[in-house]
């Protein structure tokens, strides 16, 4: 209360969170970047990073728009290329001298990590897991057939 017996009321204005841009209002470069990040992390994380709706990110990640789809694929290829360059640089730092001085445990860890690198960076063949099943007809005994004497 103030000196006149009237209570004072303080009012604080808090603006609402801005609505997240949707679909057509999001520029294509932002969609491309968000789609590429969503492939590497999650749709939710990409949406929060760019301040756009999850539906926009999901649409960009699996876009039917050729420009967006190619942009996302190009961005991912640049990321893969950079990662592969860094991987190769780090592998060059693993010299024979360092391996000769390493313990058995360290050598097994290096071998395991290198095998994962080879597995993950190699080409993936979609037909590699094809299973061929051939069914042979059931064999019957001669006695199960009707005999016709001529």
C-alpha atoms as a PDB file:
ATOM      1  CA  UNK A   1       0.000   0.000   0.000  1.00  0.00           C
ATOM      2  CA  UNK A   2       1.130   3.505  -0.637  1.00  0.00           C
ATOM      3  CA  UNK A   3       0.724   6.385   1.852  1.00  0.00           C
ATOM      4  CA  UNK A   4      -2.882   7.009   0.664  1.00  0.00           C
ATOM      5  CA  UNK A   5      -4.128   3.552   1.593  1.00  0.00           C
ATOM      6  CA  UNK A   6      -4.245   2.379  -2.042  1.00  0.00           C
ATOM      7  CA  UNK A   7      -2.460  -0.836  -2.909  1.00  0.00           C
ATOM      8  CA  UNK A   8      -0.143  -0.727  -5.857  1.00  0.00           C
ATOM      9  CA  UNK A   9      -0.264  -3.354  -8.520  1.00  0.00           C
ATOM     10  CA  UNK A  10       2.703  -4.053 -10.699  1.00  0.00           C
ATOM     11  CA  UNK A  11       2.013  -5.303 -14.175  1.00  0.00           C
ATOM     12  CA  UNK A  12       4.661  -7.014 -16.223  1.00  0.00           C
ATOM     13  CA  UNK A  13       4.163  -7.639 -19.899  1.00  0.00           C
ATOM     14  CA  UNK A  14       5.612 -10.910 -21.152  1.00  0.00           C
ATOM     15  CA  UNK A  15       5.299 -11.362 -24.885  1.00  0.00           C
ATOM     16  CA  UNK A  16       4.222 -14.773 -26.071  1.00  0.00           C
ATOM     17  CA  UNK A  17       6.711 -16.935 -27.845  1.00  0.00           C
ATOM     18  CA  UNK A  18       6.712 -16.149 -31.521  1.00  0.00           C
ATOM     19  CA  UNK A  19       4.888 -18.763 -33.543  1.00  0.00           C
ATOM     20  CA  UNK A  20       7.236 -20.954 -35.503  1.00  0.00           C
ATOM     21  CA  UNK A  21       7.286 -20.355 -39.254  1.00  0.00           C
ATOM     22  CA  UNK A  22       5.479 -22.942 -41.298  1.00  0.00           C
ATOM     23  CA  UNK A  23       5.962 -24.410 -44.755  1.00  0.00           C
ATOM     24  CA  UNK A  24       6.049 -21.777 -47.466  1.00  0.00           C
ATOM     25  CA  UNK A  25       7.322 -19.002 -45.158  1.00  0.00           C
ATOM     26  CA  UNK A  26      10.581 -20.906 -44.466  1.00  0.00           C
ATOM     27  CA  UNK A  27      13.296 -20.134 -47.043  1.00  0.00           C
ATOM     28  CA  UNK A  28      14.636 -23.088 -49.033  1.00  0.00           C
ATOM     29  CA  UNK A  29      18.234 -22.758 -47.714  1.00  0.00           C
ATOM     30  CA  UNK A  30      16.899 -23.030 -44.151  1.00  0.00           C
ATOM     31  CA  UNK A  31      14.849 -26.096 -45.122  1.00  0.00           C
ATOM     32  CA  UNK A  32      17.957 -27.675 -46.666  1.00  0.00           C
ATOM     33  CA  UNK A  33      20.091 -27.025 -43.584  1.00  0.00           C
ATOM     34  CA  UNK A  34      17.362 -28.218 -41.212  1.00  0.00           C
ATOM     35  CA  UNK A  35      16.774 -31.359 -43.274  1.00  0.00           C
ATOM     36  CA  UNK A  36      20.489 -32.200 -43.279  1.00  0.00           C
ATOM     37  CA  UNK A  37      20.759 -31.688 -39.522  1.00  0.00           C
ATOM     38  CA  UNK A  38      17.631 -33.786 -38.959  1.00  0.00           C
ATOM     39  CA  UNK A  39      19.240 -36.699 -40.815  1.00  0.00           C
ATOM     40  CA  UNK A  40      22.276 -36.520 -38.520  1.00  0.00           C
ATOM     41  CA  UNK A  41      20.457 -35.790 -35.229  1.00  0.00           C
ATOM     42  CA  UNK A  42      16.685 -35.634 -34.854  1.00  0.00           C
ATOM     43  CA  UNK A  43      13.742 -33.717 -36.285  1.00  0.00           C
ATOM     44  CA  UNK A  44      13.030 -32.156 -32.889  1.00  0.00           C
ATOM     45  CA  UNK A  45      16.605 -30.947 -32.422  1.00  0.00           C
ATOM     46  CA  UNK A  46      16.757 -29.484 -35.932  1.00  0.00           C
ATOM     47  CA  UNK A  47      13.423 -27.707 -35.410  1.00  0.00           C
ATOM     48  CA  UNK A  48      14.635 -26.173 -32.143  1.00  0.00           C
ATOM     49  CA  UNK A  49      17.955 -25.148 -33.712  1.00  0.00           C
ATOM     50  CA  UNK A  50      16.312 -23.251 -36.553  1.00  0.00           C
ATOM     51  CA  UNK A  51      13.196 -22.130 -34.687  1.00  0.00           C
ATOM     52  CA  UNK A  52      10.839 -23.751 -37.179  1.00  0.00           C
ATOM     53  CA  UNK A  53       8.099 -26.342 -36.845  1.00  0.00           C
ATOM     54  CA  UNK A  54       8.891 -30.044 -36.683  1.00  0.00           C
ATOM     55  CA  UNK A  55       6.543 -30.681 -39.604  1.00  0.00           C
ATOM     56  CA  UNK A  56       8.642 -28.344 -41.794  1.00  0.00           C
ATOM     57  CA  UNK A  57      11.836 -30.167 -40.793  1.00  0.00           C
ATOM     58  CA  UNK A  58      10.240 -33.582 -41.361  1.00  0.00           C
ATOM     59  CA  UNK A  59       9.060 -32.456 -44.801  1.00  0.00           C
ATOM     60  CA  UNK A  60      12.550 -31.122 -45.631  1.00  0.00           C
ATOM     61  CA  UNK A  61      14.225 -34.320 -44.456  1.00  0.00           C
ATOM     62  CA  UNK A  62      12.079 -36.448 -46.785  1.00  0.00           C
ATOM     63  CA  UNK A  63      11.265 -33.762 -49.338  1.00  0.00           C
ATOM     64  CA  UNK A  64       9.603 -34.443 -52.658  1.00  0.00           C
ATOM     65  CA  UNK A  65      10.806 -31.008 -53.817  1.00  0.00           C
ATOM     66  CA  UNK A  66      13.806 -31.762 -56.037  1.00  0.00           C
ATOM     67  CA  UNK A  67      15.687 -28.596 -55.045  1.00  0.00           C
ATOM     68  CA  UNK A  68      15.364 -29.320 -51.321  1.00  0.00           C
ATOM     69  CA  UNK A  69      16.119 -33.046 -51.677  1.00  0.00           C
ATOM     70  CA  UNK A  70      19.262 -32.395 -53.746  1.00  0.00           C
ATOM     71  CA  UNK A  71      20.327 -29.639 -51.345  1.00  0.00           C
ATOM     72  CA  UNK A  72      20.004 -31.963 -48.351  1.00  0.00           C
ATOM     73  CA  UNK A  73      21.920 -34.712 -50.168  1.00  0.00           C
ATOM     74  CA  UNK A  74      24.669 -32.259 -51.200  1.00  0.00           C
ATOM     75  CA  UNK A  75      24.980 -30.961 -47.636  1.00  0.00           C
ATOM     76  CA  UNK A  76      25.225 -34.498 -46.276  1.00  0.00           C
ATOM     77  CA  UNK A  77      27.849 -35.376 -48.877  1.00  0.00           C
ATOM     78  CA  UNK A  78      29.939 -32.353 -47.851  1.00  0.00           C
ATOM     79  CA  UNK A  79      29.701 -33.460 -44.217  1.00  0.00           C
ATOM     80  CA  UNK A  80      30.702 -37.031 -45.122  1.00  0.00           C
ATOM     81  CA  UNK A  81      33.609 -35.777 -47.205  1.00  0.00           C
ATOM     82  CA  UNK A  82      34.877 -33.540 -44.408  1.00  0.00           C
ATOM     83  CA  UNK A  83      34.537 -36.364 -41.870  1.00  0.00           C
ATOM     84  CA  UNK A  84      36.411 -38.747 -44.156  1.00  0.00           C
ATOM     85  CA  UNK A  85      39.211 -36.188 -44.637  1.00  0.00           C
ATOM     86  CA  UNK A  86      39.550 -35.796 -40.860  1.00  0.00           C
ATOM     87  CA  UNK A  87      39.479 -39.561 -40.409  1.00  0.00           C
ATOM     88  CA  UNK A  88      42.244 -40.067 -42.947  1.00  0.00           C
ATOM     89  CA  UNK A  89      44.329 -37.316 -41.341  1.00  0.00           C
ATOM     90  CA  UNK A  90      43.962 -38.918 -37.925  1.00  0.00           C
ATOM     91  CA  UNK A  91      44.844 -42.337 -39.317  1.00  0.00           C
ATOM     92  CA  UNK A  92      48.079 -40.898 -40.741  1.00  0.00           C
ATOM     93  CA  UNK A  93      49.019 -39.915 -37.188  1.00  0.00           C
ATOM     94  CA  UNK A  94      48.940 -43.573 -36.135  1.00  0.00           C
ATOM     95  CA  UNK A  95      52.490 -44.560 -37.009  1.00  0.00           C
ATOM     96  CA  UNK A  96      54.106 -47.985 -36.834  1.00  0.00           C
ATOM     97  CA  UNK A  97      56.319 -46.747 -33.985  1.00  0.00           C
ATOM     98  CA  UNK A  98      53.268 -45.831 -31.931  1.00  0.00           C
ATOM     99  CA  UNK A  99      51.667 -49.202 -32.647  1.00  0.00           C
ATOM    100  CA  UNK A 100      54.860 -51.076 -31.690  1.00  0.00           C
ATOM    101  CA  UNK A 101      54.905 -49.277 -28.327  1.00  0.00           C
ATOM    102  CA  UNK A 102      51.199 -49.893 -27.616  1.00  0.00           C
ATOM    103  CA  UNK A 103      49.864 -52.494 -25.206  1.00  0.00           C
ATOM    104  CA  UNK A 104      47.724 -55.418 -26.330  1.00  0.00           C
ATOM    105  CA  UNK A 105      44.612 -53.667 -24.994  1.00  0.00           C
ATOM    106  CA  UNK A 106      45.394 -50.476 -26.918  1.00  0.00           C
ATOM    107  CA  UNK A 107      46.102 -52.453 -30.099  1.00  0.00           C
ATOM    108  CA  UNK A 108      42.789 -54.308 -29.823  1.00  0.00           C
ATOM    109  CA  UNK A 109      40.957 -50.979 -29.348  1.00  0.00           C
ATOM    110  CA  UNK A 110      42.691 -49.523 -32.419  1.00  0.00           C
ATOM    111  CA  UNK A 111      41.856 -52.642 -34.447  1.00  0.00           C
ATOM    112  CA  UNK A 112      38.199 -52.558 -33.351  1.00  0.00           C
ATOM    113  CA  UNK A 113      37.881 -48.849 -34.162  1.00  0.00           C
ATOM    114  CA  UNK A 114      39.530 -49.259 -37.561  1.00  0.00           C
ATOM    115  CA  UNK A 115      37.227 -52.166 -38.440  1.00  0.00           C
ATOM    116  CA  UNK A 116      34.203 -49.970 -37.628  1.00  0.00           C
ATOM    117  CA  UNK A 117      35.661 -47.222 -39.808  1.00  0.00           C
ATOM    118  CA  UNK A 118      36.073 -49.633 -42.707  1.00  0.00           C
ATOM    119  CA  UNK A 119      32.549 -50.986 -42.213  1.00  0.00           C
ATOM    120  CA  UNK A 120      30.876 -47.566 -41.982  1.00  0.00           C
ATOM    121  CA  UNK A 121      32.734 -45.883 -44.819  1.00  0.00           C
ATOM    122  CA  UNK A 122      32.426 -48.713 -47.319  1.00  0.00           C
ATOM    123  CA  UNK A 123      29.727 -48.791 -49.964  1.00  0.00           C
ATOM    124  CA  UNK A 124      26.455 -50.311 -48.887  1.00  0.00           C
ATOM    125  CA  UNK A 125      24.931 -52.819 -51.222  1.00  0.00           C
ATOM    126  CA  UNK A 126      21.190 -53.058 -50.926  1.00  0.00           C
ATOM    127  CA  UNK A 127      21.151 -56.574 -52.398  1.00  0.00           C
ATOM    128  CA  UNK A 128      23.790 -57.944 -50.032  1.00  0.00           C
ATOM    129  CA  UNK A 129      21.208 -59.499 -47.705  1.00  0.00           C
ATOM    130  CA  UNK A 130      19.239 -61.392 -50.328  1.00  0.00           C
ATOM    131  CA  UNK A 131      17.998 -64.772 -49.227  1.00  0.00           C
ATOM    132  CA  UNK A 132      17.087 -67.291 -51.897  1.00  0.00           C
ATOM    133  CA  UNK A 133      14.695 -70.054 -50.869  1.00  0.00           C
ATOM    134  CA  UNK A 134      14.006 -72.937 -53.238  1.00  0.00           C
ATOM    135  CA  UNK A 135      11.194 -75.299 -52.483  1.00  0.00           C
ATOM    136  CA  UNK A 136      11.552 -78.858 -53.717  1.00  0.00           C
ATOM    137  CA  UNK A 137       8.397 -80.837 -54.453  1.00  0.00           C
ATOM    138  CA  UNK A 138       7.486 -83.521 -51.970  1.00  0.00           C
ATOM    139  CA  UNK A 139       8.831 -86.905 -53.019  1.00  0.00           C
ATOM    140  CA  UNK A 140       6.317 -89.715 -53.251  1.00  0.00           C
ATOM    141  CA  UNK A 141       6.804 -93.447 -53.240  1.00  0.00           C
ATOM    142  CA  UNK A 142       5.972 -95.529 -56.269  1.00  0.00           C
ATOM    143  CA  UNK A 143       3.242 -97.290 -54.320  1.00  0.00           C
ATOM    144  CA  UNK A 144       1.300 -94.059 -53.859  1.00  0.00           C
ATOM    145  CA  UNK A 145       0.593 -93.845 -57.626  1.00  0.00           C
ATOM    146  CA  UNK A 146      -2.320 -95.619 -59.279  1.00  0.00           C
ATOM    147  CA  UNK A 147      -1.094 -98.496 -61.406  1.00  0.00           C
ATOM    148  CA  UNK A 148      -2.695 -99.136 -64.780  1.00  0.00           C
ATOM    149  CA  UNK A 149      -1.990-102.567 -66.273  1.00  0.00           C
ATOM    150  CA  UNK A 150      -2.020-102.671 -70.057  1.00  0.00           C
END
